[in-house]
Amino acid sequence: MYTITLLGHELKKRQLPIVLTLLAIGALYLYSFSLLNKLTDQAQVLVLPVFALVFPLVLWTLWNHWQSLREEWQERTTHLLFSFPVRGWQVLLAKGGAAAISFVLFTLLSAFLGGALVVKVFNSIPGEISQEELWHFLFSDGSKLYLQYLLMTLSFIGFSQLAFVLGQLAPRWHGIFSTGGFLVILYLVGKLMIWLRPVFSILPHVNLEFGSGGFNPWYTVALFLFSLIAAGTASWLLDHKVDF
């Protein structure tokens, strides 16, 4: 119950940035649609949303999540927060959940408008693929790729929580230690991925219907599992080692 209350509180605090980001995404796609009749190669309009949204949305989500953690210490509200019967995992789950929900909202809107843009572009190019087939490929392959994208972002949220809590254990320069901790965590996880590569190579791959390609999803699955361990460790440290 406390977790849901905290989650609602976090979403309410982030309401304005969420709405502004959704409006910015909508405006970006409106501009992209307006370029369709101005470019000779209409496929070029797909470049702008990809570069402006795919990785920037991940960074924007992580930044907002980091700020939501940081402001508790900056505003000296940690004493009040932990005076209630809540545990560290509840606080981190609520803050991470708010970041995840906002990211899902951003990306679902982007995916819907992006799919409509792709269909519009392909309709202007003579070919054998029908609009129904194109939508099928978008939903089939798009859902597979989106799940990988989502798991990757959720993993970064979990790693950022551990990095932030590790930074609070330092006597000073918390931000520098948190940033360094995040980079060290990514380095160690990368090493684990290399060691696990022989195992991943024998596991089934995911095939894409559009074209003849595919990808190995187990790297992202392992990344997400490692992030759960990281978030659990952060929760334990928050309860037992961090002074408020």
Protein backbone atom coordinates (compact mmCIF):
# COMPACT_ATOMS: atom_id res chain seq x y z
CA MET A 1 0.00 0.00 0.00
CA TYR A 2 2.80 2.42 0.87
CA THR A 3 4.52 1.57 -2.42
CA ILE A 4 1.42 2.49 -4.44
CA THR A 5 1.01 5.71 -2.44
CA LEU A 6 4.64 6.63 -3.07
CA LEU A 7 4.28 5.75 -6.75
CA GLY A 8 1.25 8.01 -7.09
CA HIS A 9 3.15 10.79 -5.33
CA GLU A 10 6.11 10.40 -7.71
CA LEU A 11 3.89 10.45 -10.80
CA LYS A 12 2.12 13.55 -9.53
CA LYS A 13 5.45 15.31 -9.00
CA ARG A 14 6.55 14.36 -12.54
CA GLN A 15 3.23 15.26 -14.15
CA LEU A 16 4.40 18.46 -15.82
CA PRO A 17 7.64 17.03 -17.31
CA ILE A 18 5.69 14.00 -18.56
CA VAL A 19 3.04 16.15 -20.26
CA LEU A 20 5.63 18.48 -21.79
CA THR A 21 7.64 15.53 -23.11
CA LEU A 22 4.53 13.97 -24.69
CA LEU A 23 3.70 17.30 -26.32
CA ALA A 24 7.28 17.59 -27.61
CA ILE A 25 7.07 14.10 -29.12
CA GLY A 26 3.78 14.95 -30.80
CA ALA A 27 5.21 18.21 -32.18
CA LEU A 28 8.27 16.38 -33.53
CA TYR A 29 6.10 13.93 -35.45
CA LEU A 30 3.83 16.69 -36.74
CA TYR A 31 6.93 18.37 -38.13
CA SER A 32 8.09 15.04 -39.63
CA PHE A 33 4.73 14.55 -41.33
CA SER A 34 4.94 18.08 -42.71
CA LEU A 35 8.26 17.20 -44.40
CA LEU A 36 6.74 14.38 -46.46
CA ASN A 37 5.77 16.66 -49.34
CA LYS A 38 8.98 18.68 -49.19
CA LEU A 39 11.57 15.91 -49.64
CA THR A 40 12.23 13.98 -52.81
CA ASP A 41 13.26 10.92 -50.79
CA GLN A 42 10.46 10.64 -48.24
CA ALA A 43 12.28 7.91 -46.33
CA GLN A 44 14.60 10.63 -45.01
CA VAL A 45 11.84 11.89 -42.69
CA LEU A 46 12.30 8.73 -40.60
CA VAL A 47 15.84 9.78 -39.65
CA LEU A 48 14.79 12.73 -37.50
CA PRO A 49 12.49 10.82 -35.06
CA VAL A 50 15.02 8.00 -34.70
CA PHE A 51 17.93 10.26 -33.77
CA ALA A 52 15.79 12.63 -31.71
CA LEU A 53 13.93 10.00 -29.67
CA VAL A 54 15.50 6.54 -29.42
CA PHE A 55 18.52 7.28 -27.21
CA PRO A 56 17.51 10.75 -25.95
CA LEU A 57 14.35 9.28 -24.37
CA VAL A 58 16.48 6.78 -22.45
CA LEU A 59 18.80 9.54 -21.25
CA TRP A 60 15.88 11.83 -20.37
CA THR A 61 14.22 9.06 -18.33
CA LEU A 62 17.44 8.26 -16.47
CA TRP A 63 18.09 11.93 -15.78
CA ASN A 64 14.62 12.47 -14.33
CA HIS A 65 14.93 9.32 -12.24
CA TRP A 66 18.32 10.40 -10.94
CA GLN A 67 16.92 13.83 -10.06
CA SER A 68 13.99 12.28 -8.19
CA LEU A 69 16.48 10.38 -6.02
CA ARG A 70 18.82 13.33 -5.65
CA GLU A 71 16.16 15.81 -4.59
CA GLU A 72 15.32 13.76 -1.48
CA TRP A 73 18.82 14.47 -0.17
CA GLN A 74 19.01 18.01 -1.51
CA GLU A 75 15.70 19.03 0.06
CA ARG A 76 16.47 17.14 3.29
CA THR A 77 13.26 15.12 2.97
CA THR A 78 14.88 11.75 3.59
CA HIS A 79 14.37 12.06 7.36
CA LEU A 80 10.66 12.64 6.85
CA LEU A 81 10.35 9.97 4.16
CA PHE A 82 11.97 7.24 6.24
CA SER A 83 10.16 8.24 9.40
CA PHE A 84 7.17 6.42 7.91
CA PRO A 85 7.02 2.59 8.01
CA VAL A 86 8.55 2.20 4.54
CA ARG A 87 11.52 0.17 3.44
CA GLY A 88 14.25 1.12 1.02
CA TRP A 89 12.94 -1.23 -1.66
CA GLN A 90 9.53 0.47 -1.51
CA VAL A 91 11.05 3.90 -2.08
CA LEU A 92 13.26 2.72 -4.92
CA LEU A 93 10.46 0.68 -6.48
CA ALA A 94 8.12 3.68 -6.43
CA LYS A 95 10.71 6.01 -7.95
CA GLY A 96 11.84 3.42 -10.49
CA GLY A 97 8.23 2.56 -11.28
CA ALA A 98 7.42 6.21 -11.97
CA ALA A 99 10.40 6.43 -14.31
CA ALA A 100 9.35 3.21 -16.07
CA ILE A 101 5.73 4.34 -16.49
CA SER A 102 6.77 7.69 -17.93
CA PHE A 103 9.17 5.94 -20.33
CA VAL A 104 6.44 3.55 -21.48
CA LEU A 105 4.12 6.51 -22.14
CA PHE A 106 6.82 8.29 -24.16
CA THR A 107 7.74 5.26 -26.21
CA LEU A 108 4.21 4.03 -26.87
CA LEU A 109 3.24 7.44 -28.26
CA SER A 110 6.45 7.46 -30.30
CA ALA A 111 5.80 3.94 -31.57
CA PHE A 112 2.22 4.73 -32.63
CA LEU A 113 3.11 7.96 -34.43
CA GLY A 114 6.27 6.40 -35.84
CA GLY A 115 4.30 3.44 -37.21
CA ALA A 116 1.84 5.81 -38.88
CA LEU A 117 4.78 7.72 -40.38
CA VAL A 118 6.39 4.52 -41.68
CA VAL A 119 3.12 3.43 -43.30
CA LYS A 120 2.73 6.87 -44.89
CA VAL A 121 6.26 6.70 -46.29
CA PHE A 122 5.88 3.16 -47.64
CA ASN A 123 2.56 4.01 -49.27
CA SER A 124 4.36 6.62 -51.34
CA ILE A 125 6.93 4.07 -52.56
CA PRO A 126 5.73 1.67 -55.28
CA GLY A 127 6.21 -1.91 -54.15
CA GLU A 128 4.61 -5.25 -53.54
CA ILE A 129 3.99 -4.90 -49.81
CA SER A 130 0.44 -3.93 -48.86
CA GLN A 131 -0.55 -1.63 -46.03
CA GLU A 132 -2.00 -4.60 -44.09
CA GLU A 133 1.27 -6.54 -44.44
CA LEU A 134 3.26 -3.53 -43.40
CA TRP A 135 1.19 -3.02 -40.24
CA HIS A 136 1.58 -6.75 -39.47
CA PHE A 137 5.36 -6.50 -39.76
CA LEU A 138 5.38 -3.36 -37.62
CA PHE A 139 3.38 -4.98 -34.85
CA SER A 140 5.21 -8.33 -35.03
CA ASP A 141 8.81 -7.16 -35.38
CA GLY A 142 8.19 -3.87 -33.60
CA SER A 143 6.92 -5.58 -30.45
CA LYS A 144 10.02 -7.79 -30.34
CA LEU A 145 12.39 -4.87 -30.72
CA TYR A 146 10.37 -2.71 -28.33
CA LEU A 147 10.59 -5.34 -25.60
CA GLN A 148 14.37 -5.35 -25.95
CA TYR A 149 14.44 -1.55 -25.84
CA LEU A 150 12.22 -1.52 -22.75
CA LEU A 151 14.27 -4.14 -20.87
CA MET A 152 17.46 -2.25 -21.64
CA THR A 153 16.05 0.98 -20.23
CA LEU A 154 14.63 -0.72 -17.13
CA SER A 155 18.05 -2.27 -16.59
CA PHE A 156 19.72 1.13 -16.66
CA ILE A 157 17.20 2.38 -14.11
CA GLY A 158 18.15 -0.48 -11.75
CA PHE A 159 21.87 0.12 -12.21
CA SER A 160 21.44 3.86 -11.65
CA GLN A 161 19.73 3.16 -8.33
CA LEU A 162 22.68 1.14 -7.06
CA ALA A 163 25.12 3.75 -8.34
CA PHE A 164 23.21 6.54 -6.61
CA VAL A 165 23.06 4.73 -3.26
CA LEU A 166 26.78 3.89 -3.49
CA GLY A 167 27.44 7.59 -4.00
CA GLN A 168 25.56 8.39 -0.79
CA LEU A 169 27.96 6.16 1.14
CA ALA A 170 30.84 8.46 0.24
CA PRO A 171 31.69 11.21 2.78
CA ARG A 172 31.59 13.89 0.05
CA TRP A 173 31.38 14.37 -3.72
CA HIS A 174 28.34 12.11 -3.89
CA GLY A 175 27.59 12.94 -7.53
CA ILE A 176 31.11 12.10 -8.69
CA PHE A 177 31.10 8.79 -6.81
CA SER A 178 27.64 7.93 -8.15
CA THR A 179 28.67 8.64 -11.73
CA GLY A 180 31.86 6.65 -11.30
CA GLY A 181 29.91 3.84 -9.68
CA PHE A 182 27.50 3.73 -12.62
CA LEU A 183 30.38 3.41 -15.08
CA VAL A 184 32.03 0.69 -12.98
CA ILE A 185 28.75 -1.23 -12.78
CA LEU A 186 28.34 -1.08 -16.57
CA TYR A 187 31.95 -2.25 -17.00
CA LEU A 188 31.48 -5.21 -14.66
CA VAL A 189 28.19 -6.19 -16.28
CA GLY A 190 29.87 -5.99 -19.69
CA LYS A 191 32.55 -8.39 -18.45
CA LEU A 192 29.87 -10.79 -17.22
CA MET A 193 28.19 -10.65 -20.61
CA ILE A 194 31.45 -11.64 -22.30
CA TRP A 195 31.86 -14.61 -19.96
CA LEU A 196 28.27 -15.69 -20.62
CA ARG A 197 28.56 -15.36 -24.40
CA PRO A 198 29.09 -19.14 -24.95
CA VAL A 199 25.86 -19.83 -23.05
CA PHE A 200 23.90 -17.21 -24.97
CA SER A 201 25.14 -18.54 -28.30
CA ILE A 202 23.44 -21.91 -27.81
CA LEU A 203 20.10 -20.41 -26.76
CA PRO A 204 17.40 -19.79 -29.40
CA HIS A 205 17.43 -16.50 -31.26
CA VAL A 206 14.49 -14.32 -32.24
CA ASN A 207 13.76 -14.06 -35.96
CA LEU A 208 12.33 -10.98 -37.61
CA GLU A 209 9.56 -11.38 -40.19
CA PHE A 210 10.55 -8.30 -42.19
CA GLY A 211 13.64 -9.44 -44.07
CA SER A 212 15.80 -12.39 -43.04
CA GLY A 213 17.49 -11.00 -39.94
CA GLY A 214 17.21 -11.76 -36.25
CA PHE A 215 18.88 -11.09 -32.92
CA ASN A 216 19.93 -12.75 -29.68
CA PRO A 217 17.57 -11.55 -26.92
CA TRP A 218 19.40 -13.21 -24.03
CA TYR A 219 21.92 -10.42 -23.56
CA THR A 220 19.10 -8.01 -22.74
CA VAL A 221 17.34 -10.58 -20.54
CA ALA A 222 20.56 -11.13 -18.58
CA LEU A 223 21.08 -7.37 -18.35
CA PHE A 224 17.62 -7.01 -16.82
CA LEU A 225 18.23 -9.83 -14.32
CA PHE A 226 21.52 -8.24 -13.26
CA SER A 227 19.70 -4.92 -12.79
CA LEU A 228 17.21 -6.59 -10.44
CA ILE A 229 20.15 -7.79 -8.35
CA ALA A 230 21.58 -4.26 -8.45
CA ALA A 231 18.26 -2.72 -7.36
CA GLY A 232 17.93 -5.28 -4.57
CA THR A 233 21.43 -4.47 -3.37
CA ALA A 234 20.62 -0.76 -3.47
CA SER A 235 17.53 -1.37 -1.35
CA TRP A 236 19.51 -3.30 1.26
CA LEU A 237 22.20 -0.59 1.39
CA LEU A 238 19.54 2.10 1.72
CA ASP A 239 18.02 0.31 4.71
CA HIS A 240 21.21 -0.68 6.51
CA LYS A 241 24.16 1.48 5.45
CA VAL A 242 23.01 4.93 4.38
CA ASP A 243 22.81 7.61 7.06
CA PHE A 244 20.10 10.24 6.78
